Amino acid sequence: MRDMTSAEIDALIREWTWGTLIGLDSSGPYAIELSYGFDGQYIYCGSMPGGRMARCIRDNQQVAFKICDCGRDVSHYRAVIIEGTAERQTVEADILRAVRLIARQSGFGEHALDHLAALTAANPAGNSLRIPLTRVGGKIA
């Protein structure tokens, strides 16, 4: 196993559509799997308004985001971890940009998730997030 290059990290983040968001609350670590979008500088994702992850982020914005591609027989392995401070997005235009990135990366039509932007922006417990790529690492085998 070796460290991934910056180009390999970027390629995996752009290619993959699913990751794990890890947060902390008073009970300890908590993780959820979700789809995400990427613009070269930020990971965009979100979770259920008012859910446990939303409460984690409200109380502690330090998160990790993990993307992993591994064969069942471990014949190949690629993994990226991003550690940083989650930023809640509350402005509808910012949320709309995020859901469009997520829709495109997931292979949906660009506007497939547009309806979520207004709903999320109107909900005080909404949890639309962006995570800057400030601390990033990756391993490949």
N, C-alpha and C. Protein backbone atom coordinates (compact mmCIF):
# COMPACT_ATOMS: atom_id res chain seq x y z
N MET A 1 0.85 -1.17 0.00
CA MET A 1 0.00 0.00 0.00
C MET A 1 0.90 1.24 0.00
N ARG A 2 0.44 2.25 -0.72
CA ARG A 2 1.21 3.50 -0.78
C ARG A 2 0.27 4.69 -0.69
N ASP A 3 0.85 5.85 -0.42
CA ASP A 3 0.07 7.09 -0.43
C ASP A 3 -0.37 7.40 -1.85
N MET A 4 -1.58 7.91 -1.98
CA MET A 4 -2.08 8.34 -3.27
C MET A 4 -1.48 9.70 -3.62
N THR A 5 -1.30 9.94 -4.90
CA THR A 5 -0.88 11.26 -5.37
C THR A 5 -2.09 12.19 -5.32
N SER A 6 -1.85 13.48 -5.42
CA SER A 6 -2.95 14.45 -5.46
C SER A 6 -3.88 14.17 -6.63
N ALA A 7 -3.31 13.81 -7.78
CA ALA A 7 -4.14 13.51 -8.96
C ALA A 7 -5.00 12.27 -8.72
N GLU A 8 -4.47 11.24 -8.06
CA GLU A 8 -5.24 10.03 -7.77
C GLU A 8 -6.36 10.32 -6.77
N ILE A 9 -6.06 11.16 -5.79
CA ILE A 9 -7.09 11.56 -4.82
C ILE A 9 -8.22 12.29 -5.52
N ASP A 10 -7.86 13.27 -6.34
CA ASP A 10 -8.86 14.05 -7.07
C ASP A 10 -9.70 13.14 -7.96
N ALA A 11 -9.06 12.20 -8.63
CA ALA A 11 -9.79 11.30 -9.53
C ALA A 11 -10.79 10.44 -8.77
N LEU A 12 -10.41 9.91 -7.61
CA LEU A 12 -11.34 9.07 -6.84
C LEU A 12 -12.51 9.90 -6.34
N ILE A 13 -12.24 11.09 -5.83
CA ILE A 13 -13.33 11.94 -5.33
C ILE A 13 -14.30 12.27 -6.47
N ARG A 14 -13.79 12.56 -7.65
CA ARG A 14 -14.66 12.90 -8.78
C ARG A 14 -15.41 11.69 -9.33
N GLU A 15 -14.78 10.52 -9.30
CA GLU A 15 -15.37 9.30 -9.86
C GLU A 15 -16.45 8.70 -8.97
N TRP A 16 -16.21 8.71 -7.68
CA TRP A 16 -17.10 8.02 -6.76
C TRP A 16 -18.33 8.87 -6.48
N THR A 17 -19.40 8.27 -5.98
CA THR A 17 -20.63 9.02 -5.71
C THR A 17 -21.11 8.86 -4.28
N TRP A 18 -20.43 8.06 -3.50
CA TRP A 18 -20.92 7.69 -2.17
C TRP A 18 -19.78 7.78 -1.18
N GLY A 19 -20.04 8.34 -0.01
CA GLY A 19 -19.02 8.45 1.02
C GLY A 19 -19.63 8.31 2.40
N THR A 20 -18.77 8.36 3.40
CA THR A 20 -19.19 8.25 4.79
C THR A 20 -18.82 9.53 5.52
N LEU A 21 -19.81 10.17 6.11
CA LEU A 21 -19.61 11.37 6.92
C LEU A 21 -19.54 10.93 8.37
N ILE A 22 -18.47 11.34 9.06
CA ILE A 22 -18.26 10.95 10.45
C ILE A 22 -18.25 12.20 11.31
N GLY A 23 -19.09 12.20 12.32
CA GLY A 23 -19.16 13.30 13.27
C GLY A 23 -19.07 12.77 14.69
N LEU A 24 -19.12 13.67 15.65
CA LEU A 24 -19.06 13.30 17.06
C LEU A 24 -20.19 13.96 17.82
N ASP A 25 -20.76 13.22 18.74
CA ASP A 25 -21.69 13.82 19.70
C ASP A 25 -21.31 13.32 21.08
N SER A 26 -22.12 13.62 22.08
CA SER A 26 -21.77 13.25 23.46
C SER A 26 -21.70 11.73 23.65
N SER A 27 -22.31 10.97 22.76
CA SER A 27 -22.26 9.50 22.84
C SER A 27 -21.03 8.92 22.16
N GLY A 28 -20.35 9.73 21.34
CA GLY A 28 -19.16 9.26 20.64
C GLY A 28 -19.28 9.46 19.15
N PRO A 29 -18.47 8.71 18.36
CA PRO A 29 -18.50 8.87 16.91
C PRO A 29 -19.83 8.39 16.32
N TYR A 30 -20.22 9.02 15.23
CA TYR A 30 -21.43 8.64 14.51
C TYR A 30 -21.14 8.82 13.03
N ALA A 31 -21.55 7.86 12.22
CA ALA A 31 -21.26 7.90 10.79
C ALA A 31 -22.52 7.58 9.99
N ILE A 32 -22.64 8.24 8.83
CA ILE A 32 -23.71 7.95 7.89
C ILE A 32 -23.13 7.89 6.49
N GLU A 33 -23.70 7.04 5.66
CA GLU A 33 -23.32 6.96 4.26
C GLU A 33 -24.26 7.85 3.46
N LEU A 34 -23.69 8.56 2.49
CA LEU A 34 -24.52 9.47 1.70
C LEU A 34 -23.86 9.80 0.38
N SER A 35 -24.67 10.31 -0.53
CA SER A 35 -24.13 10.79 -1.80
C SER A 35 -23.54 12.18 -1.58
N TYR A 36 -22.66 12.58 -2.48
CA TYR A 36 -22.00 13.87 -2.32
C TYR A 36 -21.69 14.47 -3.68
N GLY A 37 -21.34 15.74 -3.66
CA GLY A 37 -20.87 16.44 -4.84
C GLY A 37 -19.51 17.04 -4.54
N PHE A 38 -18.76 17.35 -5.59
CA PHE A 38 -17.41 17.87 -5.44
C PHE A 38 -17.16 18.92 -6.50
N ASP A 39 -16.57 20.05 -6.10
CA ASP A 39 -16.27 21.11 -7.06
C ASP A 39 -14.78 21.40 -7.18
N GLY A 40 -13.95 20.54 -6.61
CA GLY A 40 -12.51 20.75 -6.64
C GLY A 40 -11.97 21.36 -5.36
N GLN A 41 -12.83 22.00 -4.58
CA GLN A 41 -12.41 22.62 -3.32
C GLN A 41 -13.20 22.13 -2.11
N TYR A 42 -14.44 21.72 -2.34
CA TYR A 42 -15.33 21.32 -1.25
C TYR A 42 -16.05 20.03 -1.59
N ILE A 43 -16.35 19.26 -0.54
CA ILE A 43 -17.31 18.16 -0.61
C ILE A 43 -18.64 18.76 -0.16
N TYR A 44 -19.71 18.50 -0.92
CA TYR A 44 -21.05 18.97 -0.57
C TYR A 44 -21.91 17.76 -0.24
N CYS A 45 -22.60 17.83 0.88
CA CYS A 45 -23.47 16.73 1.28
C CYS A 45 -24.49 17.27 2.28
N GLY A 46 -25.31 16.40 2.79
CA GLY A 46 -26.29 16.82 3.77
C GLY A 46 -26.89 15.61 4.44
N SER A 47 -27.61 15.87 5.49
CA SER A 47 -28.26 14.78 6.22
C SER A 47 -29.66 15.21 6.64
N MET A 48 -30.37 14.29 7.23
CA MET A 48 -31.76 14.53 7.62
C MET A 48 -31.85 15.73 8.57
N PRO A 49 -32.70 16.70 8.26
CA PRO A 49 -32.86 17.85 9.16
C PRO A 49 -33.25 17.39 10.56
N GLY A 50 -32.52 17.88 11.54
CA GLY A 50 -32.84 17.55 12.93
C GLY A 50 -32.41 16.16 13.36
N GLY A 51 -31.80 15.39 12.46
CA GLY A 51 -31.35 14.04 12.79
C GLY A 51 -30.09 14.06 13.65
N ARG A 52 -29.61 12.87 13.99
CA ARG A 52 -28.44 12.78 14.87
C ARG A 52 -27.22 13.46 14.25
N MET A 53 -26.98 13.27 12.94
CA MET A 53 -25.81 13.91 12.33
C MET A 53 -25.96 15.42 12.36
N ALA A 54 -27.15 15.93 12.11
CA ALA A 54 -27.37 17.38 12.17
C ALA A 54 -27.05 17.90 13.58
N ARG A 55 -27.42 17.14 14.59
CA ARG A 55 -27.10 17.54 15.97
C ARG A 55 -25.60 17.46 16.22
N CYS A 56 -24.94 16.43 15.67
CA CYS A 56 -23.47 16.33 15.79
C CYS A 56 -22.82 17.59 15.23
N ILE A 57 -23.22 17.98 14.02
CA ILE A 57 -22.62 19.13 13.34
C ILE A 57 -22.92 20.43 14.09
N ARG A 58 -24.13 20.53 14.61
CA ARG A 58 -24.50 21.74 15.36
C ARG A 58 -23.57 21.91 16.57
N ASP A 59 -23.24 20.79 17.24
CA ASP A 59 -22.46 20.85 18.47
C ASP A 59 -20.95 20.79 18.25
N ASN A 60 -20.51 20.22 17.13
CA ASN A 60 -19.08 20.06 16.86
C ASN A 60 -18.89 19.95 15.35
N GLN A 61 -18.37 20.96 14.74
CA GLN A 61 -18.26 21.01 13.28
C GLN A 61 -17.07 20.20 12.74
N GLN A 62 -16.24 19.64 13.62
CA GLN A 62 -15.10 18.84 13.17
C GLN A 62 -15.62 17.50 12.67
N VAL A 63 -15.30 17.18 11.41
CA VAL A 63 -15.80 15.96 10.78
C VAL A 63 -14.69 15.28 9.99
N ALA A 64 -14.97 14.06 9.61
CA ALA A 64 -14.15 13.35 8.63
C ALA A 64 -15.11 12.85 7.56
N PHE A 65 -14.63 12.79 6.33
CA PHE A 65 -15.41 12.26 5.22
C PHE A 65 -14.54 11.24 4.52
N LYS A 66 -15.04 10.02 4.39
CA LYS A 66 -14.26 8.89 3.87
C LYS A 66 -14.89 8.38 2.58
N ILE A 67 -14.05 8.16 1.57
CA ILE A 67 -14.47 7.57 0.30
C ILE A 67 -13.58 6.35 0.10
N CYS A 68 -14.20 5.20 -0.15
CA CYS A 68 -13.42 3.97 -0.26
C CYS A 68 -13.95 3.10 -1.40
N ASP A 69 -13.01 2.56 -2.17
CA ASP A 69 -13.31 1.62 -3.24
C ASP A 69 -12.42 0.41 -3.00
N CYS A 70 -13.05 -0.70 -2.65
CA CYS A 70 -12.27 -1.90 -2.31
C CYS A 70 -12.99 -3.13 -2.81
N GLY A 71 -12.25 -4.02 -3.47
CA GLY A 71 -12.82 -5.28 -3.89
C GLY A 71 -13.04 -6.20 -2.70
N ARG A 72 -14.05 -7.02 -2.77
CA ARG A 72 -14.35 -7.93 -1.66
C ARG A 72 -13.14 -8.79 -1.30
N ASP A 73 -12.37 -9.17 -2.30
CA ASP A 73 -11.18 -9.98 -2.06
C ASP A 73 -9.93 -9.11 -1.83
N VAL A 74 -10.13 -7.81 -1.72
CA VAL A 74 -9.08 -6.82 -1.50
C VAL A 74 -8.02 -6.86 -2.62
N SER A 75 -8.46 -7.23 -3.82
CA SER A 75 -7.54 -7.23 -4.96
C SER A 75 -7.20 -5.81 -5.39
N HIS A 76 -8.04 -4.87 -5.03
CA HIS A 76 -7.74 -3.46 -5.24
C HIS A 76 -8.28 -2.68 -4.05
N TYR A 77 -7.66 -1.57 -3.77
CA TYR A 77 -8.06 -0.75 -2.64
C TYR A 77 -7.66 0.69 -2.92
N ARG A 78 -8.62 1.60 -2.79
CA ARG A 78 -8.37 3.04 -2.88
C ARG A 78 -9.24 3.70 -1.81
N ALA A 79 -8.64 4.56 -1.03
CA ALA A 79 -9.41 5.25 0.00
C ALA A 79 -8.87 6.65 0.22
N VAL A 80 -9.79 7.58 0.41
CA VAL A 80 -9.46 8.98 0.67
C VAL A 80 -10.16 9.38 1.96
N ILE A 81 -9.47 10.14 2.78
CA ILE A 81 -10.10 10.72 3.96
C ILE A 81 -9.87 12.22 3.96
N ILE A 82 -10.93 12.95 4.24
CA ILE A 82 -10.90 14.40 4.31
C ILE A 82 -11.29 14.75 5.74
N GLU A 83 -10.46 15.51 6.41
CA GLU A 83 -10.76 15.95 7.77
C GLU A 83 -10.86 17.47 7.77
N GLY A 84 -11.87 17.98 8.45
CA GLY A 84 -12.00 19.42 8.45
C GLY A 84 -13.22 19.89 9.22
N THR A 85 -13.55 21.11 8.97
CA THR A 85 -14.66 21.77 9.65
C THR A 85 -15.84 21.88 8.68
N ALA A 86 -16.93 21.23 9.03
CA ALA A 86 -18.14 21.30 8.21
C ALA A 86 -18.75 22.69 8.32
N GLU A 87 -19.16 23.23 7.19
CA GLU A 87 -19.81 24.54 7.15
C GLU A 87 -21.26 24.33 6.74
N ARG A 88 -22.20 24.74 7.61
CA ARG A 88 -23.62 24.64 7.26
C ARG A 88 -23.96 25.72 6.25
N GLN A 89 -24.70 25.32 5.23
CA GLN A 89 -25.17 26.27 4.23
C GLN A 89 -26.64 26.56 4.51
N THR A 90 -26.99 27.82 4.57
CA THR A 90 -28.36 28.21 4.88
C THR A 90 -29.00 29.07 3.80
N VAL A 91 -28.21 29.59 2.88
CA VAL A 91 -28.72 30.44 1.81
C VAL A 91 -29.20 29.53 0.67
N GLU A 92 -30.43 29.74 0.21
CA GLU A 92 -31.02 28.86 -0.79
C GLU A 92 -30.17 28.73 -2.06
N ALA A 93 -29.58 29.81 -2.53
CA ALA A 93 -28.76 29.75 -3.75
C ALA A 93 -27.54 28.84 -3.54
N ASP A 94 -26.94 28.88 -2.36
CA ASP A 94 -25.79 28.02 -2.06
C ASP A 94 -26.22 26.56 -1.98
N ILE A 95 -27.36 26.32 -1.37
CA ILE A 95 -27.89 24.96 -1.25
C ILE A 95 -28.25 24.43 -2.64
N LEU A 96 -28.84 25.27 -3.48
CA LEU A 96 -29.19 24.86 -4.84
C LEU A 96 -27.94 24.45 -5.62
N ARG A 97 -26.88 25.22 -5.51
CA ARG A 97 -25.62 24.86 -6.17
C ARG A 97 -25.13 23.50 -5.67
N ALA A 98 -25.22 23.28 -4.37
CA ALA A 98 -24.77 22.01 -3.78
C ALA A 98 -25.60 20.83 -4.28
N VAL A 99 -26.93 20.96 -4.28
CA VAL A 99 -27.75 19.82 -4.71
C VAL A 99 -27.56 19.54 -6.20
N ARG A 100 -27.26 20.56 -6.97
CA ARG A 100 -26.98 20.33 -8.40
C ARG A 100 -25.65 19.60 -8.59
N LEU A 101 -24.66 19.92 -7.79
CA LEU A 101 -23.39 19.18 -7.84
C LEU A 101 -23.61 17.72 -7.45
N ILE A 102 -24.39 17.51 -6.40
CA ILE A 102 -24.69 16.14 -5.94
C ILE A 102 -25.45 15.38 -7.03
N ALA A 103 -26.44 16.01 -7.62
CA ALA A 103 -27.23 15.36 -8.68
C ALA A 103 -26.34 14.98 -9.86
N ARG A 104 -25.50 15.88 -10.30
CA ARG A 104 -24.60 15.59 -11.43
C ARG A 104 -23.65 14.45 -11.10
N GLN A 105 -23.03 14.51 -9.93
CA GLN A 105 -22.06 13.47 -9.56
C GLN A 105 -22.74 12.11 -9.42
N SER A 106 -24.00 12.11 -9.00
CA SER A 106 -24.75 10.86 -8.82
C SER A 106 -25.31 10.31 -10.13
N GLY A 107 -25.18 11.09 -11.20
CA GLY A 107 -25.65 10.62 -12.51
C GLY A 107 -27.11 10.95 -12.78
N PHE A 108 -27.70 11.81 -11.97
CA PHE A 108 -29.07 12.26 -12.20
C PHE A 108 -29.02 13.49 -13.11
N GLY A 109 -30.17 13.90 -13.57
CA GLY A 109 -30.22 15.19 -14.26
C GLY A 109 -29.85 16.29 -13.29
N GLU A 110 -29.23 17.34 -13.81
CA GLU A 110 -28.74 18.41 -12.95
C GLU A 110 -29.82 18.99 -12.03
N HIS A 111 -31.06 19.03 -12.49
CA HIS A 111 -32.13 19.66 -11.72
C HIS A 111 -32.96 18.65 -10.91
N ALA A 112 -32.55 17.41 -10.86
CA ALA A 112 -33.34 16.35 -10.20
C ALA A 112 -33.59 16.62 -8.72
N LEU A 113 -32.69 17.33 -8.07
CA LEU A 113 -32.83 17.56 -6.63
C LEU A 113 -33.13 19.01 -6.28
N ASP A 114 -33.43 19.82 -7.30
CA ASP A 114 -33.66 21.25 -7.06
C ASP A 114 -34.70 21.53 -5.99
N HIS A 115 -35.73 20.71 -5.92
CA HIS A 115 -36.80 20.93 -4.94
C HIS A 115 -36.30 20.90 -3.50
N LEU A 116 -35.17 20.25 -3.27
CA LEU A 116 -34.64 20.15 -1.91
C LEU A 116 -34.04 21.47 -1.41
N ALA A 117 -33.61 22.32 -2.31
CA ALA A 117 -32.95 23.56 -1.91
C ALA A 117 -33.88 24.46 -1.10
N ALA A 118 -35.07 24.72 -1.62
CA ALA A 118 -36.00 25.60 -0.90
C ALA A 118 -36.45 24.96 0.41
N LEU A 119 -36.72 23.66 0.39
CA LEU A 119 -37.13 22.97 1.61
C LEU A 119 -36.05 23.04 2.68
N THR A 120 -34.81 22.82 2.28
CA THR A 120 -33.71 22.84 3.24
C THR A 120 -33.47 24.24 3.77
N ALA A 121 -33.48 25.22 2.90
CA ALA A 121 -33.26 26.61 3.32
C ALA A 121 -34.35 27.09 4.28
N ALA A 122 -35.58 26.63 4.08
CA ALA A 122 -36.70 27.06 4.92
C ALA A 122 -36.74 26.34 6.27
N ASN A 123 -35.98 25.27 6.41
CA ASN A 123 -36.01 24.48 7.64
C ASN A 123 -34.84 24.87 8.54
N PRO A 124 -35.11 25.44 9.72
CA PRO A 124 -34.02 25.85 10.60
C PRO A 124 -33.13 24.68 11.03
N ALA A 125 -33.64 23.46 10.94
CA ALA A 125 -32.86 22.28 11.30
C ALA A 125 -32.19 21.66 10.08
N GLY A 126 -32.28 22.34 8.92
CA GLY A 126 -31.66 21.83 7.69
C GLY A 126 -30.18 21.59 7.88
N ASN A 127 -29.65 20.63 7.15
CA ASN A 127 -28.25 20.26 7.33
C ASN A 127 -27.55 20.09 5.99
N SER A 128 -27.50 21.18 5.22
CA SER A 128 -26.74 21.20 3.97
C SER A 128 -25.32 21.61 4.34
N LEU A 129 -24.34 20.80 3.93
CA LEU A 129 -22.97 21.02 4.39
C LEU A 129 -22.00 21.16 3.23
N ARG A 130 -20.92 21.89 3.49
CA ARG A 130 -19.77 21.84 2.62
C ARG A 130 -18.55 21.65 3.52
N ILE A 131 -17.63 20.83 3.03
CA ILE A 131 -16.43 20.50 3.81
C ILE A 131 -15.23 20.85 2.94
N PRO A 132 -14.41 21.80 3.38
CA PRO A 132 -13.24 22.18 2.58
C PRO A 132 -12.19 21.07 2.61
N LEU A 133 -11.49 20.93 1.51
CA LEU A 133 -10.42 19.94 1.42
C LEU A 133 -9.12 20.53 1.98
N THR A 134 -9.08 20.71 3.28
CA THR A 134 -7.90 21.29 3.91
C THR A 134 -6.91 20.21 4.36
N ARG A 135 -7.41 19.12 4.91
CA ARG A 135 -6.55 17.98 5.31
C ARG A 135 -7.07 16.75 4.57
N VAL A 136 -6.28 16.28 3.62
CA VAL A 136 -6.70 15.16 2.78
C VAL A 136 -5.56 14.15 2.68
N GLY A 137 -5.92 12.88 2.75
CA GLY A 137 -4.94 11.83 2.55
C GLY A 137 -5.59 10.68 1.80
N GLY A 138 -4.77 9.82 1.23
CA GLY A 138 -5.30 8.69 0.50
C GLY A 138 -4.30 7.55 0.45
N LYS A 139 -4.82 6.33 0.39
CA LYS A 139 -4.00 5.12 0.26
C LYS A 139 -4.51 4.32 -0.92
N ILE A 140 -3.59 3.62 -1.57
CA ILE A 140 -3.94 2.80 -2.72
C ILE A 140 -3.09 1.53 -2.70
N ALA A 141 -3.71 0.44 -3.14
CA ALA A 141 -2.97 -0.83 -3.23
C ALA A 141 -3.27 -1.46 -4.57
